[in-house]
Protein backbone atom coordinates (compact mmCIF):
# COMPACT_ATOMS: atom_id res chain seq x y z
CA UNK A 1 -20.36 -28.08 -44.88
CA UNK A 2 -23.50 -25.95 -44.97
CA UNK A 3 -25.90 -26.31 -42.06
CA UNK A 4 -29.50 -27.24 -42.69
CA UNK A 5 -32.01 -24.35 -42.38
CA UNK A 6 -33.31 -23.92 -38.84
CA UNK A 7 -36.55 -22.14 -39.78
CA UNK A 8 -39.71 -23.74 -41.20
CA UNK A 9 -39.58 -23.71 -44.98
CA UNK A 10 -42.71 -21.54 -45.34
CA UNK A 11 -41.32 -18.92 -42.96
CA UNK A 12 -37.93 -18.96 -44.66
CA UNK A 13 -39.57 -18.47 -48.06
CA UNK A 14 -41.65 -15.56 -46.78
CA UNK A 15 -38.54 -13.84 -45.40
CA UNK A 16 -36.72 -14.08 -48.70
CA UNK A 17 -39.76 -12.95 -50.73
CA UNK A 18 -40.31 -9.92 -48.48
CA UNK A 19 -36.61 -9.06 -48.69
CA UNK A 20 -36.77 -9.18 -52.49
CA UNK A 21 -40.00 -7.20 -52.68
CA UNK A 22 -39.71 -5.07 -55.83
CA UNK A 23 -35.93 -4.89 -55.53
CA UNK A 24 -34.35 -6.49 -58.61
CA UNK A 25 -30.69 -6.29 -57.39
CA UNK A 26 -31.71 -8.04 -54.17
CA UNK A 27 -33.55 -10.70 -56.17
CA UNK A 28 -30.40 -11.38 -58.19
CA UNK A 29 -28.39 -11.82 -55.00
CA UNK A 30 -30.94 -14.07 -53.28
CA UNK A 31 -31.20 -16.54 -56.17
CA UNK A 32 -27.47 -17.27 -55.63
CA UNK A 33 -27.96 -18.24 -51.98
CA UNK A 34 -29.37 -21.72 -52.53
CA UNK A 35 -31.32 -23.73 -55.07
CA UNK A 36 -34.51 -23.44 -53.06
CA UNK A 37 -34.10 -19.63 -52.96
CA UNK A 38 -33.70 -19.59 -56.73
CA UNK A 39 -36.90 -21.61 -57.10
CA UNK A 40 -38.78 -19.10 -54.90
CA UNK A 41 -37.43 -15.82 -56.28
CA UNK A 42 -36.89 -16.48 -59.98
CA UNK A 43 -40.65 -16.41 -60.80
CA UNK A 44 -40.83 -12.96 -59.14
CA UNK A 45 -37.81 -11.79 -61.12
CA UNK A 46 -39.52 -12.59 -64.44
CA UNK A 47 -43.06 -11.66 -63.42
CA UNK A 48 -42.85 -8.29 -65.25
CA UNK A 49 -40.75 -7.85 -68.39
CA UNK A 50 -39.97 -4.50 -70.05
CA UNK A 51 -38.71 -4.68 -73.65
CA UNK A 52 -36.87 -1.40 -74.03
CA UNK A 53 -34.35 -1.86 -76.85
CA UNK A 54 -33.47 -4.14 -79.76
CA UNK A 55 -29.73 -4.25 -79.00
CA UNK A 56 -28.06 -6.95 -76.93
CA UNK A 57 -30.80 -7.21 -74.31
CA UNK A 58 -33.63 -8.39 -76.57
CA UNK A 59 -31.70 -11.31 -78.14
CA UNK A 60 -30.58 -12.29 -74.65
CA UNK A 61 -34.18 -12.24 -73.43
CA UNK A 62 -35.20 -14.33 -76.44
CA UNK A 63 -32.56 -16.98 -75.69
CA UNK A 64 -33.56 -17.06 -72.03
CA UNK A 65 -37.25 -17.61 -72.79
CA UNK A 66 -36.56 -20.17 -75.53
CA UNK A 67 -34.41 -22.18 -73.12
CA UNK A 68 -37.55 -23.21 -71.24
CA UNK A 69 -40.73 -21.81 -72.89
CA UNK A 70 -43.14 -23.68 -70.61
CA UNK A 71 -41.57 -22.25 -67.47
CA UNK A 72 -41.52 -18.65 -68.70
CA UNK A 73 -45.05 -18.95 -70.08
CA UNK A 74 -46.09 -19.60 -66.48
CA UNK A 75 -43.90 -16.93 -64.88
CA UNK A 76 -44.24 -13.87 -67.13
CA UNK A 77 -47.53 -12.06 -66.47
CA UNK A 78 -46.78 -8.50 -67.63
CA UNK A 79 -44.99 -7.29 -70.76
CA UNK A 80 -44.36 -3.64 -71.60
CA UNK A 81 -42.89 -2.76 -75.02
CA UNK A 82 -41.32 0.68 -74.93
CA UNK A 83 -41.06 3.13 -77.78
CA UNK A 84 -37.28 2.66 -78.11
CA UNK A 85 -37.68 -0.81 -79.61
CA UNK A 86 -36.78 -1.20 -83.28
CA UNK A 87 -39.96 -0.80 -85.33
CA UNK A 88 -41.50 -4.13 -86.37
CA UNK A 89 -38.82 -6.20 -84.64
CA UNK A 90 -39.93 -9.85 -85.25
CA UNK A 91 -38.57 -10.84 -81.84
CA UNK A 92 -41.47 -9.01 -80.15
CA UNK A 93 -44.13 -11.21 -81.76
CA UNK A 94 -41.98 -14.26 -81.08
CA UNK A 95 -41.82 -13.43 -77.37
CA UNK A 96 -45.59 -12.86 -77.20
CA UNK A 97 -46.22 -16.19 -78.92
CA UNK A 98 -44.13 -17.96 -76.25
CA UNK A 99 -45.32 -16.02 -73.17
CA UNK A 100 -48.90 -17.28 -73.25
CA UNK A 101 -49.43 -16.55 -69.55
CA UNK A 102 -49.31 -12.77 -70.04
CA UNK A 103 -52.39 -11.01 -68.66
CA UNK A 104 -51.16 -7.37 -68.83
CA UNK A 105 -49.77 -5.95 -72.08
CA UNK A 106 -48.56 -2.42 -72.79
CA UNK A 107 -47.29 -1.67 -76.31
CA UNK A 108 -45.95 1.86 -76.75
CA UNK A 109 -43.77 1.01 -79.76
CA UNK A 110 -46.37 1.48 -82.54
CA UNK A 111 -44.73 -1.48 -84.31
CA UNK A 112 -46.75 -4.11 -86.16
CA UNK A 113 -48.23 -6.82 -83.96
CA UNK A 114 -49.90 -10.07 -84.99
CA UNK A 115 -53.52 -10.60 -83.97
CA UNK A 116 -52.74 -14.33 -83.78
CA UNK A 117 -50.13 -13.60 -81.07
CA UNK A 118 -52.69 -11.68 -79.00
CA UNK A 119 -55.21 -14.50 -79.38
CA UNK A 120 -52.87 -16.87 -77.54
CA UNK A 121 -53.17 -14.71 -74.40
CA UNK A 122 -55.93 -14.20 -71.85
CA UNK A 123 -55.56 -10.48 -71.24
CA UNK A 124 -56.93 -8.52 -68.29
CA UNK A 125 -55.30 -5.14 -69.05
CA UNK A 126 -54.06 -3.80 -72.36
CA UNK A 127 -52.63 -0.54 -73.73
CA UNK A 128 -52.15 -0.53 -77.51
CA UNK A 129 -52.83 1.17 -80.82
CA UNK A 130 -55.36 -1.06 -82.59
CA UNK A 131 -54.23 0.30 -85.95
CA UNK A 132 -50.90 -1.54 -85.68
CA UNK A 133 -52.44 -5.01 -85.28
CA UNK A 134 -52.11 -7.20 -88.37
CA UNK A 135 -54.62 -9.91 -89.21
CA UNK A 136 -57.74 -8.47 -87.58
CA UNK A 137 -60.93 -10.28 -88.69
CA UNK A 138 -62.54 -8.49 -91.66
CA UNK A 139 -65.93 -8.45 -89.92
CA UNK A 140 -64.53 -6.20 -87.16
CA UNK A 141 -65.49 -8.63 -84.38
CA UNK A 142 -61.94 -9.02 -83.11
CA UNK A 143 -62.83 -8.40 -79.46
CA UNK A 144 -65.16 -11.42 -79.44
CA UNK A 145 -62.20 -13.78 -79.26
CA UNK A 146 -61.81 -15.54 -75.87
CA UNK A 147 -58.45 -13.79 -75.45
CA UNK A 148 -60.35 -10.60 -74.53
CA UNK A 149 -63.15 -12.13 -72.47
CA UNK A 150 -61.53 -11.07 -69.16
CA UNK A 151 -60.17 -7.70 -70.32
CA UNK A 152 -61.20 -5.11 -67.72
CA UNK A 153 -58.81 -2.17 -68.38
CA UNK A 154 -58.22 -0.92 -71.92
CA UNK A 155 -56.14 2.07 -73.01
CA UNK A 156 -56.53 2.78 -76.75
CA UNK A 157 -53.85 4.96 -78.36
CA UNK A 158 -55.69 5.44 -81.66
CA UNK A 159 -56.93 8.96 -82.61
CA UNK A 160 -60.59 10.05 -82.19
CA UNK A 161 -61.57 9.34 -85.81
CA UNK A 162 -61.10 5.62 -85.13
CA UNK A 163 -63.28 5.51 -81.98
CA UNK A 164 -66.61 4.85 -83.78
CA UNK A 165 -65.13 1.79 -85.48
CA UNK A 166 -63.83 0.04 -82.36
CA UNK A 167 -66.24 -2.64 -81.02
CA UNK A 168 -65.89 -1.74 -77.34
CA UNK A 169 -69.29 -3.28 -76.58
CA UNK A 170 -67.91 -6.72 -77.51
CA UNK A 171 -65.75 -6.69 -74.37
CA UNK A 172 -67.97 -8.36 -71.72
CA UNK A 173 -65.73 -7.52 -68.73
CA UNK A 174 -64.64 -3.97 -69.63
CA UNK A 175 -64.74 -1.68 -66.57
CA UNK A 176 -62.09 0.99 -67.30
CA UNK A 177 -61.48 2.61 -70.69
CA UNK A 178 -59.02 5.36 -71.63
CA UNK A 179 -58.98 7.20 -75.00
CA UNK A 180 -56.55 9.77 -76.40
CA UNK A 181 -57.87 12.95 -78.00
CA UNK A 182 -54.49 14.46 -79.06
CA UNK A 183 -55.97 17.98 -78.91
CA UNK A 184 -56.86 20.46 -76.18
CA UNK A 185 -60.56 20.34 -77.03
CA UNK A 186 -62.84 17.38 -77.68
CA UNK A 187 -64.64 17.69 -81.02
CA UNK A 188 -68.43 17.97 -80.54
CA UNK A 189 -68.86 15.31 -83.21
CA UNK A 190 -67.27 12.79 -80.84
CA UNK A 191 -69.76 13.41 -78.06
CA UNK A 192 -72.35 10.92 -79.48
CA UNK A 193 -69.56 8.35 -79.73
CA UNK A 194 -68.75 8.79 -76.04
CA UNK A 195 -72.43 8.67 -75.13
CA UNK A 196 -72.79 5.40 -77.02
CA UNK A 197 -69.78 3.98 -75.19
CA UNK A 198 -71.30 4.80 -71.82
CA UNK A 199 -74.62 3.20 -72.75
CA UNK A 200 -73.37 0.11 -74.61
CA UNK A 201 -70.75 -1.13 -72.13
CA UNK A 202 -72.81 -2.41 -69.18
CA UNK A 203 -69.94 -2.89 -66.70
CA UNK A 204 -68.05 0.31 -67.53
CA UNK A 205 -67.06 2.21 -64.38
CA UNK A 206 -64.67 4.84 -65.78
CA UNK A 207 -64.28 6.45 -69.20
CA UNK A 208 -61.25 8.73 -69.40
CA UNK A 209 -60.42 10.96 -72.37
CA UNK A 210 -56.89 12.36 -72.53
CA UNK A 211 -56.61 15.94 -73.80
CA UNK A 212 -53.58 18.19 -74.21
CA UNK A 213 -53.05 20.77 -71.46
CA UNK A 214 -54.77 24.10 -72.07
CA UNK A 215 -54.63 27.52 -70.44
CA UNK A 216 -58.40 27.40 -70.09
CA UNK A 217 -59.90 24.82 -67.78
CA UNK A 218 -63.34 25.42 -69.29
CA UNK A 219 -62.34 24.74 -72.89
CA UNK A 220 -64.34 21.49 -72.95
CA UNK A 221 -67.12 22.65 -70.64
CA UNK A 222 -69.80 23.36 -73.26
CA UNK A 223 -68.97 20.29 -75.32
CA UNK A 224 -69.13 18.01 -72.30
CA UNK A 225 -72.28 19.46 -70.79
CA UNK A 226 -74.35 16.55 -72.07
CA UNK A 227 -71.98 14.06 -70.42
CA UNK A 228 -71.42 15.75 -67.08
CA UNK A 229 -74.41 13.96 -65.53
CA UNK A 230 -72.68 10.61 -66.00
CA UNK A 231 -70.27 10.14 -63.06
CA UNK A 232 -68.21 7.63 -65.03
CA UNK A 233 -66.86 10.22 -67.49
CA UNK A 234 -63.59 12.09 -66.85
CA UNK A 235 -61.08 14.26 -68.70
CA UNK A 236 -57.34 13.94 -68.06
CA UNK A 237 -54.76 16.49 -69.23
CA UNK A 238 -51.60 14.90 -70.54
CA UNK A 239 -48.70 15.97 -72.75
CA UNK A 240 -47.98 14.27 -76.08
CA UNK A 241 -44.52 13.13 -75.01
CA UNK A 242 -45.94 11.06 -72.17
CA UNK A 243 -44.67 7.50 -72.63
CA UNK A 244 -46.32 5.31 -70.04
CA UNK A 245 -49.61 3.68 -69.21
CA UNK A 246 -51.02 5.01 -65.96
CA UNK A 247 -53.32 2.12 -65.16
CA UNK A 248 -50.47 -0.41 -65.04
CA UNK A 249 -49.77 -1.22 -61.36
CA UNK A 250 -46.29 -0.38 -60.06
CA UNK A 251 -43.61 -3.09 -60.27
CA UNK A 252 -43.67 -3.67 -56.52
CA UNK A 253 -47.35 -4.54 -56.65
CA UNK A 254 -46.89 -6.72 -59.72
CA UNK A 255 -44.37 -8.88 -57.89
CA UNK A 256 -47.13 -10.08 -55.60
CA UNK A 257 -49.83 -10.08 -58.29
CA UNK A 258 -51.89 -7.51 -56.44
CA UNK A 259 -54.73 -6.04 -58.50
CA UNK A 260 -54.17 -2.51 -57.24
CA UNK A 261 -54.98 0.40 -59.54
CA UNK A 262 -52.62 3.25 -60.21
CA UNK A 263 -53.09 6.88 -59.26
CA UNK A 264 -55.17 7.50 -62.39
CA UNK A 265 -57.84 4.93 -61.69
CA UNK A 266 -57.95 5.61 -57.95
CA UNK A 267 -58.54 9.29 -58.75
CA UNK A 268 -61.18 8.37 -61.33
CA UNK A 269 -63.04 6.11 -58.93
CA UNK A 270 -62.95 8.76 -56.16
CA UNK A 271 -64.27 11.38 -58.57
CA UNK A 272 -66.98 9.04 -59.83
CA UNK A 273 -68.15 8.32 -56.27
CA UNK A 274 -68.11 12.02 -55.37
CA UNK A 275 -70.16 12.98 -58.42
CA UNK A 276 -72.62 10.15 -57.86
CA UNK A 277 -73.26 10.98 -54.21
CA UNK A 278 -72.98 14.78 -54.09
CA UNK A 279 -73.71 15.95 -57.63
CA UNK A 280 -70.19 17.33 -57.98
CA UNK A 281 -69.93 18.63 -61.56
CA UNK A 282 -66.19 18.64 -62.26
CA UNK A 283 -65.02 16.17 -64.94
CA UNK A 284 -61.26 16.82 -64.91
CA UNK A 285 -59.12 14.26 -63.09
CA UNK A 286 -56.46 15.57 -60.74
CA UNK A 287 -53.43 13.35 -60.09
């Protein structure tokens, strides 16, 4: 016969949650200890979901979520769709339509996604290619939907020619924006677009433009001279094969729902403060 727990329930729960902190194998062991442990740890286990392949794991995830949609809609807060997923797998949109509690979404698959599925969410952070979204309103006012009212961090994977057509100013809570240039040098024709972004987004704190690494650190110096006075603007060198989203908090932090920024945004904020207070002229972010 099992003895009753000798510790207060709150203390016992804290011990198990700390023990499972960011450690998935430990979580799986703890949920087998007792029913109460399962009730405490299982929400942490499903807090962040990475969809990485369309083989046996995705159907299994689908069956798990469909077994109790209401419960998983409450538990799952972060979904990352990796590039290894089968293109346009219908299971992805099905999962998004069920996991309505998701607030952080990263889609690196470049597969088609339904706008209606995104509208069921209340996103705070998103990384996506807008070109892959099906069913966008023809008037271009897709960011005016309540689903994006609390979106603070946005990473757009679309190329520079699409930047002028994205209604960034319709995002009332946008504070951090990342764009991909896909070249070593920013085209001078895109400078007015970046200037407009900085002026039309009232809460914007950081605007990062990814460029490919170059042997010359000053390759964008002349082009960016008109933007260097704005401490919110930064340039980040990054290779094309990079397959991650740097503003997504680490898994350990996600388990406790901490709103801690990654190395990218911490570096951006430090650089912004330095430029604002000392006149420091460098615009390249160092990680």
